[in-house]
């Protein structure tokens, strides 16, 4: 930009702008910064790639948790069914009915 460039009016010290332009030109000549917009684009692309990796990792974790939840609910349902079945059954088979004399049970003598 030339000093008479209308975009420069009212932007502080012209010597700072010239120093900045010289540094930018030196960096561009060294191949470090080609264009600030290109550098930002590359930085944003890298950030997007990192976010996509994180999203994929989270998707894997969510899928694992969903599988665990399905398995846990299935086990709880099976336990519920077993408890309901046991409650409906008559007395357990290893329990015998007591038979005895009616007078001796509870008479205290």
PDB file of N, CA and C in Angstrom:
ATOM      1  N   UNK A   1       0.826  -1.172   0.000  1.00  0.00           N
ATOM      2  CA  UNK A   1       0.000   0.000   0.000  1.00  0.00           C
ATOM      3  C   UNK A   1       0.876   1.243   0.000  1.00  0.00           C
ATOM      4  N   UNK A   2       0.480   2.164  -0.774  1.00  0.00           N
ATOM      5  CA  UNK A   2       1.211   3.431  -0.809  1.00  0.00           C
ATOM      6  C   UNK A   2       0.657   4.356   0.269  1.00  0.00           C
ATOM      7  N   UNK A   3       1.496   5.318   0.763  1.00  0.00           N
ATOM      8  CA  UNK A   3       1.033   6.218   1.819  1.00  0.00           C
ATOM      9  C   UNK A   3      -0.205   7.009   1.440  1.00  0.00           C
ATOM     10  N   UNK A   4      -0.407   7.288   0.145  1.00  0.00           N
ATOM     11  CA  UNK A   4      -1.579   8.071  -0.241  1.00  0.00           C
ATOM     12  C   UNK A   4      -2.811   7.188  -0.460  1.00  0.00           C
ATOM     13  N   UNK A   5      -2.703   5.903  -0.162  1.00  0.00           N
ATOM     14  CA  UNK A   5      -3.813   4.977  -0.318  1.00  0.00           C
ATOM     15  C   UNK A   5      -4.952   5.408   0.616  1.00  0.00           C
ATOM     16  N   UNK A   6      -6.163   5.565   0.116  1.00  0.00           N
ATOM     17  CA  UNK A   6      -7.266   6.037   0.954  1.00  0.00           C
ATOM     18  C   UNK A   6      -7.623   5.070   2.077  1.00  0.00           C
ATOM     19  N   UNK A   7      -7.274   3.809   1.939  1.00  0.00           N
ATOM     20  CA  UNK A   7      -7.576   2.839   3.000  1.00  0.00           C
ATOM     21  C   UNK A   7      -6.742   3.079   4.243  1.00  0.00           C
ATOM     22  N   UNK A   8      -5.629   3.811   4.113  1.00  0.00           N
ATOM     23  CA  UNK A   8      -4.718   4.042   5.222  1.00  0.00           C
ATOM     24  C   UNK A   8      -5.102   5.249   6.066  1.00  0.00           C
ATOM     25  N   UNK A   9      -5.963   6.096   5.590  1.00  0.00           N
ATOM     26  CA  UNK A   9      -6.277   7.329   6.312  1.00  0.00           C
ATOM     27  C   UNK A   9      -6.878   7.001   7.673  1.00  0.00           C
ATOM     28  N   UNK A  10      -6.371   7.689   8.687  1.00  0.00           N
ATOM     29  CA  UNK A  10      -6.912   7.550  10.021  1.00  0.00           C
ATOM     30  C   UNK A  10      -6.579   6.245  10.705  1.00  0.00           C
ATOM     31  N   UNK A  11      -5.494   5.596  10.334  1.00  0.00           N
ATOM     32  CA  UNK A  11      -5.155   4.304  10.918  1.00  0.00           C
ATOM     33  C   UNK A  11      -3.883   4.384  11.754  1.00  0.00           C
ATOM     34  N   UNK A  12      -3.680   5.374  12.515  1.00  0.00           N
ATOM     35  CA  UNK A  12      -2.533   5.423  13.405  1.00  0.00           C
ATOM     36  C   UNK A  12      -1.266   5.855  12.710  1.00  0.00           C
ATOM     37  N   UNK A  13      -0.145   5.373  13.224  1.00  0.00           N
ATOM     38  CA  UNK A  13       1.176   5.767  12.747  1.00  0.00           C
ATOM     39  C   UNK A  13       1.528   5.067  11.444  1.00  0.00           C
ATOM     40  N   UNK A  14       1.875   5.841  10.426  1.00  0.00           N
ATOM     41  CA  UNK A  14       2.250   5.229   9.146  1.00  0.00           C
ATOM     42  C   UNK A  14       3.548   4.442   9.246  1.00  0.00           C
ATOM     43  N   UNK A  15       4.448   4.831  10.143  1.00  0.00           N
ATOM     44  CA  UNK A  15       5.711   4.094  10.230  1.00  0.00           C
ATOM     45  C   UNK A  15       5.488   2.694  10.800  1.00  0.00           C
ATOM     46  N   UNK A  16       4.485   2.520  11.667  1.00  0.00           N
ATOM     47  CA  UNK A  16       4.163   1.181  12.170  1.00  0.00           C
ATOM     48  C   UNK A  16       3.595   0.298  11.057  1.00  0.00           C
ATOM     49  N   UNK A  17       2.760   0.890  10.224  1.00  0.00           N
ATOM     50  CA  UNK A  17       2.197   0.142   9.107  1.00  0.00           C
ATOM     51  C   UNK A  17       3.300  -0.282   8.142  1.00  0.00           C
ATOM     52  N   UNK A  18       4.241   0.621   7.882  1.00  0.00           N
ATOM     53  CA  UNK A  18       5.351   0.276   6.990  1.00  0.00           C
ATOM     54  C   UNK A  18       6.210  -0.830   7.592  1.00  0.00           C
ATOM     55  N   UNK A  19       6.444  -0.744   8.902  1.00  0.00           N
ATOM     56  CA  UNK A  19       7.247  -1.789   9.566  1.00  0.00           C
ATOM     57  C   UNK A  19       6.530  -3.135   9.480  1.00  0.00           C
ATOM     58  N   UNK A  20       5.226  -3.103   9.695  1.00  0.00           N
ATOM     59  CA  UNK A  20       4.445  -4.333   9.587  1.00  0.00           C
ATOM     60  C   UNK A  20       4.526  -4.910   8.184  1.00  0.00           C
ATOM     61  N   UNK A  21       4.378  -4.060   7.189  1.00  0.00           N
ATOM     62  CA  UNK A  21       4.437  -4.520   5.806  1.00  0.00           C
ATOM     63  C   UNK A  21       5.803  -5.089   5.471  1.00  0.00           C
ATOM     64  N   UNK A  22       6.870  -4.474   5.998  1.00  0.00           N
ATOM     65  CA  UNK A  22       8.222  -4.997   5.759  1.00  0.00           C
ATOM     66  C   UNK A  22       8.386  -6.369   6.393  1.00  0.00           C
ATOM     67  N   UNK A  23       7.906  -6.495   7.630  1.00  0.00           N
ATOM     68  CA  UNK A  23       8.013  -7.811   8.299  1.00  0.00           C
ATOM     69  C   UNK A  23       7.202  -8.867   7.565  1.00  0.00           C
ATOM     70  N   UNK A  24       6.007  -8.495   7.148  1.00  0.00           N
ATOM     71  CA  UNK A  24       5.164  -9.421   6.410  1.00  0.00           C
ATOM     72  C   UNK A  24       5.827  -9.826   5.095  1.00  0.00           C
ATOM     73  N   UNK A  25       6.416  -8.867   4.403  1.00  0.00           N
ATOM     74  CA  UNK A  25       7.101  -9.173   3.147  1.00  0.00           C
ATOM     75  C   UNK A  25       8.296 -10.081   3.397  1.00  0.00           C
ATOM     76  N   UNK A  26       9.021  -9.840   4.491  1.00  0.00           N
ATOM     77  CA  UNK A  26      10.167 -10.688   4.816  1.00  0.00           C
ATOM     78  C   UNK A  26       9.717 -12.117   5.124  1.00  0.00           C
ATOM     79  N   UNK A  27       8.630 -12.254   5.871  1.00  0.00           N
ATOM     80  CA  UNK A  27       8.103 -13.592   6.171  1.00  0.00           C
ATOM     81  C   UNK A  27       7.619 -14.293   4.912  1.00  0.00           C
ATOM     82  N   UNK A  28       6.962 -13.543   4.040  1.00  0.00           N
ATOM     83  CA  UNK A  28       6.488 -14.134   2.792  1.00  0.00           C
ATOM     84  C   UNK A  28       7.657 -14.555   1.924  1.00  0.00           C
ATOM     85  N   UNK A  29       8.715 -13.759   1.917  1.00  0.00           N
ATOM     86  CA  UNK A  29       9.901 -14.111   1.129  1.00  0.00           C
ATOM     87  C   UNK A  29      10.573 -15.356   1.696  1.00  0.00           C
ATOM     88  N   UNK A  30      10.524 -15.513   3.019  1.00  0.00           N
ATOM     89  CA  UNK A  30      11.116 -16.696   3.646  1.00  0.00           C
ATOM     90  C   UNK A  30      10.223 -17.922   3.500  1.00  0.00           C
ATOM     91  N   UNK A  31       9.005 -17.717   3.029  1.00  0.00           N
ATOM     92  CA  UNK A  31       8.102 -18.844   2.825  1.00  0.00           C
ATOM     93  C   UNK A  31       7.328 -19.220   4.073  1.00  0.00           C
ATOM     94  N   UNK A  32       7.417 -18.429   5.122  1.00  0.00           N
ATOM     95  CA  UNK A  32       6.724 -18.766   6.360  1.00  0.00           C
ATOM     96  C   UNK A  32       5.256 -18.373   6.304  1.00  0.00           C
ATOM     97  N   UNK A  33       4.972 -17.192   5.843  1.00  0.00           N
ATOM     98  CA  UNK A  33       3.590 -16.736   5.757  1.00  0.00           C
ATOM     99  C   UNK A  33       3.359 -16.283   4.323  1.00  0.00           C
ATOM    100  N   UNK A  34       2.592 -17.046   3.607  1.00  0.00           N
ATOM    101  CA  UNK A  34       2.308 -16.686   2.229  1.00  0.00           C
ATOM    102  C   UNK A  34       1.207 -15.637   2.206  1.00  0.00           C
ATOM    103  N   UNK A  35       0.149 -15.935   2.910  1.00  0.00           N
ATOM    104  CA  UNK A  35      -0.997 -15.034   2.955  1.00  0.00           C
ATOM    105  C   UNK A  35      -1.678 -15.277   4.303  1.00  0.00           C
ATOM    106  N   UNK A  36      -1.980 -14.239   5.044  1.00  0.00           N
ATOM    107  CA  UNK A  36      -2.627 -14.462   6.335  1.00  0.00           C
ATOM    108  C   UNK A  36      -3.949 -15.215   6.205  1.00  0.00           C
ATOM    109  N   UNK A  37      -4.667 -14.979   5.136  1.00  0.00           N
ATOM    110  CA  UNK A  37      -5.930 -15.709   4.947  1.00  0.00           C
ATOM    111  C   UNK A  37      -5.666 -17.180   4.681  1.00  0.00           C
ATOM    112  N   UNK A  38      -4.613 -17.470   3.924  1.00  0.00           N
ATOM    113  CA  UNK A  38      -4.271 -18.874   3.665  1.00  0.00           C
ATOM    114  C   UNK A  38      -3.828 -19.551   4.954  1.00  0.00           C
ATOM    115  N   UNK A  39      -3.075 -18.835   5.776  1.00  0.00           N
ATOM    116  CA  UNK A  39      -2.656 -19.403   7.057  1.00  0.00           C
ATOM    117  C   UNK A  39      -3.864 -19.674   7.942  1.00  0.00           C
ATOM    118  N   UNK A  40      -4.816 -18.764   7.956  1.00  0.00           N
ATOM    119  CA  UNK A  40      -6.026 -18.957   8.747  1.00  0.00           C
ATOM    120  C   UNK A  40      -6.831 -20.140   8.202  1.00  0.00           C
ATOM    121  N   UNK A  41      -6.894 -20.233   6.875  1.00  0.00           N
ATOM    122  CA  UNK A  41      -7.614 -21.353   6.261  1.00  0.00           C
ATOM    123  C   UNK A  41      -6.986 -22.673   6.660  1.00  0.00           C
ATOM    124  N   UNK A  42      -5.661 -22.750   6.623  1.00  0.00           N
ATOM    125  CA  UNK A  42      -4.971 -23.987   7.012  1.00  0.00           C
ATOM    126  C   UNK A  42      -5.196 -24.304   8.482  1.00  0.00           C
ATOM    127  N   UNK A  43      -5.145 -23.267   9.324  1.00  0.00           N
ATOM    128  CA  UNK A  43      -5.369 -23.470  10.752  1.00  0.00           C
ATOM    129  C   UNK A  43      -6.785 -23.982  10.998  1.00  0.00           C
ATOM    130  N   UNK A  44      -7.748 -23.393  10.303  1.00  0.00           N
ATOM    131  CA  UNK A  44      -9.134 -23.815  10.469  1.00  0.00           C
ATOM    132  C   UNK A  44      -9.358 -25.234   9.940  1.00  0.00           C
ATOM    133  N   UNK A  45      -8.696 -25.577   8.837  1.00  0.00           N
ATOM    134  CA  UNK A  45      -8.806 -26.946   8.315  1.00  0.00           C
ATOM    135  C   UNK A  45      -8.259 -27.950   9.311  1.00  0.00           C
ATOM    136  N   UNK A  46      -7.127 -27.612   9.939  1.00  0.00           N
ATOM    137  CA  UNK A  46      -6.550 -28.504  10.950  1.00  0.00           C
ATOM    138  C   UNK A  46      -7.491 -28.631  12.138  1.00  0.00           C
ATOM    139  N   UNK A  47      -8.101 -27.531  12.534  1.00  0.00           N
ATOM    140  CA  UNK A  47      -9.037 -27.565  13.657  1.00  0.00           C
ATOM    141  C   UNK A  47     -10.263 -28.407  13.316  1.00  0.00           C
ATOM    142  N   UNK A  48     -10.763 -28.284  12.098  1.00  0.00           N
ATOM    143  CA  UNK A  48     -11.911 -29.082  11.668  1.00  0.00           C
ATOM    144  C   UNK A  48     -11.550 -30.569  11.673  1.00  0.00           C
ATOM    145  N   UNK A  49     -10.356 -30.894  11.196  1.00  0.00           N
ATOM    146  CA  UNK A  49      -9.922 -32.299  11.189  1.00  0.00           C
ATOM    147  C   UNK A  49      -9.851 -32.836  12.619  1.00  0.00           C
ATOM    148  N   UNK A  50      -9.311 -32.038  13.527  1.00  0.00           N
ATOM    149  CA  UNK A  50      -9.229 -32.459  14.932  1.00  0.00           C
ATOM    150  C   UNK A  50     -10.627 -32.650  15.522  1.00  0.00           C
ATOM    151  N   UNK A  51     -11.534 -31.747  15.222  1.00  0.00           N
ATOM    152  CA  UNK A  51     -12.900 -31.871  15.732  1.00  0.00           C
ATOM    153  C   UNK A  51     -13.604 -33.096  15.156  1.00  0.00           C
ATOM    154  N   UNK A  52     -13.329 -33.403  13.888  1.00  0.00           N
ATOM    155  CA  UNK A  52     -13.918 -34.607  13.292  1.00  0.00           C
ATOM    156  C   UNK A  52     -13.401 -35.863  13.975  1.00  0.00           C
ATOM    157  N   UNK A  53     -12.113 -35.878  14.332  1.00  0.00           N
ATOM    158  CA  UNK A  53     -11.553 -37.025  15.057  1.00  0.00           C
ATOM    159  C   UNK A  53     -12.208 -37.169  16.422  1.00  0.00           C
ATOM    160  N   UNK A  54     -12.359 -36.043  17.112  1.00  0.00           N
ATOM    161  CA  UNK A  54     -13.008 -36.084  18.421  1.00  0.00           C
ATOM    162  C   UNK A  54     -14.444 -36.564  18.303  1.00  0.00           C
ATOM    163  N   UNK A  55     -15.148 -36.112  17.264  1.00  0.00           N
ATOM    164  CA  UNK A  55     -16.526 -36.525  17.055  1.00  0.00           C
ATOM    165  C   UNK A  55     -16.603 -38.027  16.777  1.00  0.00           C
ATOM    166  N   UNK A  56     -15.692 -38.534  15.980  1.00  0.00           N
ATOM    167  CA  UNK A  56     -15.676 -39.968  15.699  1.00  0.00           C
ATOM    168  C   UNK A  56     -15.417 -40.768  16.971  1.00  0.00           C
ATOM    169  N   UNK A  57     -14.502 -40.280  17.811  1.00  0.00           N
ATOM    170  CA  UNK A  57     -14.218 -40.971  19.078  1.00  0.00           C
ATOM    171  C   UNK A  57     -15.443 -40.948  19.980  1.00  0.00           C
ATOM    172  N   UNK A  58     -16.125 -39.838  19.999  1.00  0.00           N
ATOM    173  CA  UNK A  58     -17.348 -39.749  20.827  1.00  0.00           C
ATOM    174  C   UNK A  58     -18.426 -40.677  20.280  1.00  0.00           C
ATOM    175  N   UNK A  59     -18.536 -40.783  18.955  1.00  0.00           N
ATOM    176  CA  UNK A  59     -19.523 -41.688  18.364  1.00  0.00           C
ATOM    177  C   UNK A  59     -19.257 -43.125  18.782  1.00  0.00           C
ATOM    178  N   UNK A  60     -17.982 -43.505  18.816  1.00  0.00           N
ATOM    179  CA  UNK A  60     -17.618 -44.856  19.246  1.00  0.00           C
ATOM    180  C   UNK A  60     -18.000 -45.055  20.708  1.00  0.00           C
ATOM    181  N   UNK A  61     -17.714 -44.056  21.546  1.00  0.00           N
ATOM    182  CA  UNK A  61     -18.041 -44.159  22.971  1.00  0.00           C
ATOM    183  C   UNK A  61     -19.551 -44.239  23.172  1.00  0.00           C
ATOM    184  N   UNK A  62     -20.312 -43.449  22.429  1.00  0.00           N
ATOM    185  CA  UNK A  62     -21.768 -43.474  22.550  1.00  0.00           C
ATOM    186  C   UNK A  62     -22.312 -44.839  22.115  1.00  0.00           C
ATOM    187  N   UNK A  63     -21.768 -45.393  21.059  1.00  0.00           N
ATOM    188  CA  UNK A  63     -22.215 -46.712  20.599  1.00  0.00           C
ATOM    189  C   UNK A  63     -21.927 -47.776  21.656  1.00  0.00           C
ATOM    190  N   UNK A  64     -20.764 -47.710  22.287  1.00  0.00           N
ATOM    191  CA  UNK A  64     -20.428 -48.675  23.337  1.00  0.00           C
ATOM    192  C   UNK A  64     -21.367 -48.526  24.529  1.00  0.00           C
ATOM    193  N   UNK A  65     -21.653 -47.303  24.904  1.00  0.00           N
ATOM    194  CA  UNK A  65     -22.573 -47.078  26.027  1.00  0.00           C
ATOM    195  C   UNK A  65     -23.990 -47.536  25.690  1.00  0.00           C
ATOM    196  N   UNK A  66     -24.400 -47.325  24.463  1.00  0.00           N
ATOM    197  CA  UNK A  66     -25.730 -47.774  24.046  1.00  0.00           C
ATOM    198  C   UNK A  66     -25.814 -49.297  24.092  1.00  0.00           C
ATOM    199  N   UNK A  67     -24.775 -49.986  23.645  1.00  0.00           N
ATOM    200  CA  UNK A  67     -24.756 -51.450  23.711  1.00  0.00           C
ATOM    201  C   UNK A  67     -24.802 -51.920  25.166  1.00  0.00           C
ATOM    202  N   UNK A  68     -24.067 -51.252  26.036  1.00  0.00           N
ATOM    203  CA  UNK A  68     -24.087 -51.593  27.461  1.00  0.00           C
ATOM    204  C   UNK A  68     -25.482 -51.388  28.037  1.00  0.00           C
ATOM    205  N   UNK A  69     -26.139 -50.289  27.671  1.00  0.00           N
ATOM    206  CA  UNK A  69     -27.483 -50.009  28.176  1.00  0.00           C
ATOM    207  C   UNK A  69     -28.469 -51.082  27.732  1.00  0.00           C
ATOM    208  N   UNK A  70     -28.393 -51.475  26.467  1.00  0.00           N
ATOM    209  CA  UNK A  70     -29.289 -52.507  25.949  1.00  0.00           C
ATOM    210  C   UNK A  70     -29.067 -53.816  26.713  1.00  0.00           C
ATOM    211  N   UNK A  71     -27.808 -54.158  26.940  1.00  0.00           N
ATOM    212  CA  UNK A  71     -27.505 -55.392  27.663  1.00  0.00           C
ATOM    213  C   UNK A  71     -28.009 -55.316  29.109  1.00  0.00           C
ATOM    214  N   UNK A  72     -27.836 -54.173  29.758  1.00  0.00           N
ATOM    215  CA  UNK A  72     -28.283 -54.020  31.138  1.00  0.00           C
ATOM    216  C   UNK A  72     -29.806 -54.118  31.232  1.00  0.00           C
ATOM    217  N   UNK A  73     -30.513 -53.474  30.319  1.00  0.00           N
ATOM    218  CA  UNK A  73     -31.973 -53.540  30.329  1.00  0.00           C
ATOM    219  C   UNK A  73     -32.440 -54.964  30.069  1.00  0.00           C
ATOM    220  N   UNK A  74     -31.760 -55.648  29.186  1.00  0.00           N
ATOM    221  CA  UNK A  74     -32.108 -57.042  28.891  1.00  0.00           C
ATOM    222  C   UNK A  74     -31.925 -57.916  30.132  1.00  0.00           C
ATOM    223  N   UNK A  75     -30.823 -57.717  30.850  1.00  0.00           N
ATOM    224  CA  UNK A  75     -30.594 -58.500  32.072  1.00  0.00           C
ATOM    225  C   UNK A  75     -31.635 -58.196  33.133  1.00  0.00           C
ATOM    226  N   UNK A  76     -31.981 -56.919  33.283  1.00  0.00           N
ATOM    227  CA  UNK A  76     -32.995 -56.542  34.275  1.00  0.00           C
ATOM    228  C   UNK A  76     -34.340 -57.175  33.913  1.00  0.00           C
ATOM    229  N   UNK A  77     -34.693 -57.183  32.639  1.00  0.00           N
ATOM    230  CA  UNK A  77     -35.950 -57.792  32.202  1.00  0.00           C
ATOM    231  C   UNK A  77     -35.948 -59.291  32.484  1.00  0.00           C
ATOM    232  N   UNK A  78     -34.824 -59.928  32.229  1.00  0.00           N
ATOM    233  CA  UNK A  78     -34.731 -61.371  32.503  1.00  0.00           C
ATOM    234  C   UNK A  78     -34.850 -61.635  34.002  1.00  0.00           C
ATOM    235  N   UNK A  79     -34.220 -60.815  34.828  1.00  0.00           N
ATOM    236  CA  UNK A  79     -34.333 -60.991  36.277  1.00  0.00           C
ATOM    237  C   UNK A  79     -35.764 -60.759  36.737  1.00  0.00           C
ATOM    238  N   UNK A  80     -36.431 -59.777  36.164  1.00  0.00           N
ATOM    239  CA  UNK A  80     -37.819 -59.512  36.514  1.00  0.00           C
ATOM    240  C   UNK A  80     -38.698 -60.708  36.161  1.00  0.00           C
ATOM    241  N   UNK A  81     -38.498 -61.251  34.977  1.00  0.00           N
ATOM    242  CA  UNK A  81     -39.271 -62.426  34.557  1.00  0.00           C
ATOM    243  C   UNK A  81     -39.036 -63.602  35.491  1.00  0.00           C
ATOM    244  N   UNK A  82     -37.783 -63.804  35.904  1.00  0.00           N
ATOM    245  CA  UNK A  82     -37.456 -64.912  36.804  1.00  0.00           C
ATOM    246  C   UNK A  82     -38.119 -64.709  38.167  1.00  0.00           C
ATOM    247  N   UNK A  83     -38.099 -63.503  38.678  1.00  0.00           N
ATOM    248  CA  UNK A  83     -38.739 -63.219  39.963  1.00  0.00           C
ATOM    249  C   UNK A  83     -40.239 -63.445  39.862  1.00  0.00           C
ATOM    250  N   UNK A  84     -40.854 -62.974  38.781  1.00  0.00           N
ATOM    251  CA  UNK A  84     -42.292 -63.180  38.596  1.00  0.00           C
ATOM    252  C   UNK A  84     -42.619 -64.663  38.497  1.00  0.00           C
ATOM    253  N   UNK A  85     -41.783 -65.424  37.803  1.00  0.00           N
ATOM    254  CA  UNK A  85     -42.013 -66.875  37.683  1.00  0.00           C
ATOM    255  C   UNK A  85     -41.906 -67.543  39.043  1.00  0.00           C
ATOM    256  N   UNK A  86     -40.907 -67.165  39.828  1.00  0.00           N
ATOM    257  CA  UNK A  86     -40.730 -67.774  41.144  1.00  0.00           C
ATOM    258  C   UNK A  86     -41.880 -67.421  42.085  1.00  0.00           C
ATOM    259  N   UNK A  87     -42.441 -66.249  41.965  1.00  0.00           N
ATOM    260  CA  UNK A  87     -43.561 -65.866  42.823  1.00  0.00           C
ATOM    261  C   UNK A  87     -44.829 -66.634  42.479  1.00  0.00           C
ATOM    262  N   UNK A  88     -44.969 -67.005  41.205  1.00  0.00           N
ATOM    263  CA  UNK A  88     -46.161 -67.731  40.777  1.00  0.00           C
ATOM    264  C   UNK A  88     -46.097 -69.221  41.122  1.00  0.00           C
ATOM    265  N   UNK A  89     -44.909 -69.755  41.275  1.00  0.00           N
ATOM    266  CA  UNK A  89     -44.753 -71.175  41.583  1.00  0.00           C
ATOM    267  C   UNK A  89     -45.303 -71.467  42.968  1.00  0.00           C
ATOM    268  N   UNK A  90     -45.790 -72.694  43.142  1.00  0.00           N
ATOM    269  CA  UNK A  90     -46.191 -73.068  44.503  1.00  0.00           C
ATOM    270  C   UNK A  90     -44.948 -73.105  45.396  1.00  0.00           C
ATOM    271  N   UNK A  91     -45.133 -73.411  46.623  1.00  0.00           N
ATOM    272  CA  UNK A  91     -44.015 -73.427  47.569  1.00  0.00           C
ATOM    273  C   UNK A  91     -42.853 -74.219  46.996  1.00  0.00           C
ATOM    274  N   UNK A  92     -41.681 -73.835  47.406  1.00  0.00           N
ATOM    275  CA  UNK A  92     -40.470 -74.468  46.871  1.00  0.00           C
ATOM    276  C   UNK A  92     -40.502 -75.968  47.126  1.00  0.00           C
ATOM    277  N   UNK A  93     -39.828 -76.712  46.288  1.00  0.00           N
ATOM    278  CA  UNK A  93     -39.863 -78.177  46.371  1.00  0.00           C
ATOM    279  C   UNK A  93     -39.054 -78.707  47.530  1.00  0.00           C
ATOM    280  N   UNK A  94     -38.151 -77.936  48.099  1.00  0.00           N
ATOM    281  CA  UNK A  94     -37.346 -78.458  49.205  1.00  0.00           C
ATOM    282  C   UNK A  94     -37.974 -78.138  50.564  1.00  0.00           C
ATOM    283  N   UNK A  95     -39.168 -77.593  50.574  1.00  0.00           N
ATOM    284  CA  UNK A  95     -39.870 -77.307  51.820  1.00  0.00           C
ATOM    285  C   UNK A  95     -40.975 -78.342  51.970  1.00  0.00           C
ATOM    286  N   UNK A  96     -40.990 -78.985  53.129  1.00  0.00           N
ATOM    287  CA  UNK A  96     -42.014 -80.011  53.370  1.00  0.00           C
ATOM    288  C   UNK A  96     -43.115 -79.432  54.234  1.00  0.00           C
ATOM    289  N   UNK A  97     -44.286 -79.899  54.003  1.00  0.00           N
ATOM    290  CA  UNK A  97     -45.409 -79.513  54.828  1.00  0.00           C
ATOM    291  C   UNK A  97     -45.308 -80.272  56.149  1.00  0.00           C
ATOM    292  N   UNK A  98     -45.516 -79.563  57.209  1.00  0.00           N
ATOM    293  CA  UNK A  98     -45.478 -80.209  58.518  1.00  0.00           C
ATOM    294  C   UNK A  98     -46.799 -80.914  58.776  1.00  0.00           C
ATOM    295  N   UNK A  99     -46.660 -82.125  59.190  1.00  0.00           N
ATOM    296  CA  UNK A  99     -47.855 -82.874  59.571  1.00  0.00           C
ATOM    297  C   UNK A  99     -47.684 -83.243  61.031  1.00  0.00           C
ATOM    298  N   UNK A 100     -48.636 -83.068  61.749  1.00  0.00           N
ATOM    299  CA  UNK A 100     -48.528 -83.399  63.159  1.00  0.00           C
ATOM    300  C   UNK A 100     -49.897 -83.373  63.794  1.00  0.00           C
ATOM    301  N   UNK A 101     -49.853 -83.591  65.052  1.00  0.00           N
ATOM    302  CA  UNK A 101     -51.112 -83.595  65.777  1.00  0.00           C
ATOM    303  C   UNK A 101     -51.548 -82.163  66.003  1.00  0.00           C
ATOM    304  N   UNK A 102     -52.778 -81.949  65.854  1.00  0.00           N
ATOM    305  CA  UNK A 102     -53.320 -80.605  65.974  1.00  0.00           C
ATOM    306  C   UNK A 102     -53.193 -80.100  67.404  1.00  0.00           C
ATOM    307  N   UNK A 103     -53.275 -80.970  68.365  1.00  0.00           N
ATOM    308  CA  UNK A 103     -53.244 -80.544  69.752  1.00  0.00           C
ATOM    309  C   UNK A 103     -51.826 -80.215  70.227  1.00  0.00           C
ATOM    310  N   UNK A 104     -50.800 -80.804  69.664  1.00  0.00           N
ATOM    311  CA  UNK A 104     -49.476 -80.591  70.171  1.00  0.00           C
ATOM    312  C   UNK A 104     -48.824 -79.328  69.615  1.00  0.00           C
ATOM    313  N   UNK A 105     -49.288 -78.896  68.491  1.00  0.00           N
ATOM    314  CA  UNK A 105     -48.719 -77.687  67.909  1.00  0.00           C
ATOM    315  C   UNK A 105     -49.286 -76.466  68.628  1.00  0.00           C
ATOM    316  N   UNK A 106     -48.487 -75.776  69.319  1.00  0.00           N
ATOM    317  CA  UNK A 106     -48.924 -74.538  69.942  1.00  0.00           C
ATOM    318  C   UNK A 106     -49.628 -74.751  71.287  1.00  0.00           C
ATOM    319  N   UNK A 107     -49.689 -75.949  71.817  1.00  0.00           N
ATOM    320  CA  UNK A 107     -50.378 -76.146  73.099  1.00  0.00           C
ATOM    321  C   UNK A 107     -49.470 -75.754  74.257  1.00  0.00           C
ATOM    322  N   UNK A 108     -48.190 -75.792  74.023  1.00  0.00           N
ATOM    323  CA  UNK A 108     -47.236 -75.379  75.053  1.00  0.00           C
ATOM    324  C   UNK A 108     -46.965 -76.466  76.069  1.00  0.00           C
ATOM    325  N   UNK A 109     -47.494 -77.651  75.956  1.00  0.00           N
ATOM    326  CA  UNK A 109     -47.189 -78.654  76.943  1.00  0.00           C
ATOM    327  C   UNK A 109     -46.406 -79.796  76.422  1.00  0.00           C
TER     328      UNK A 109
END
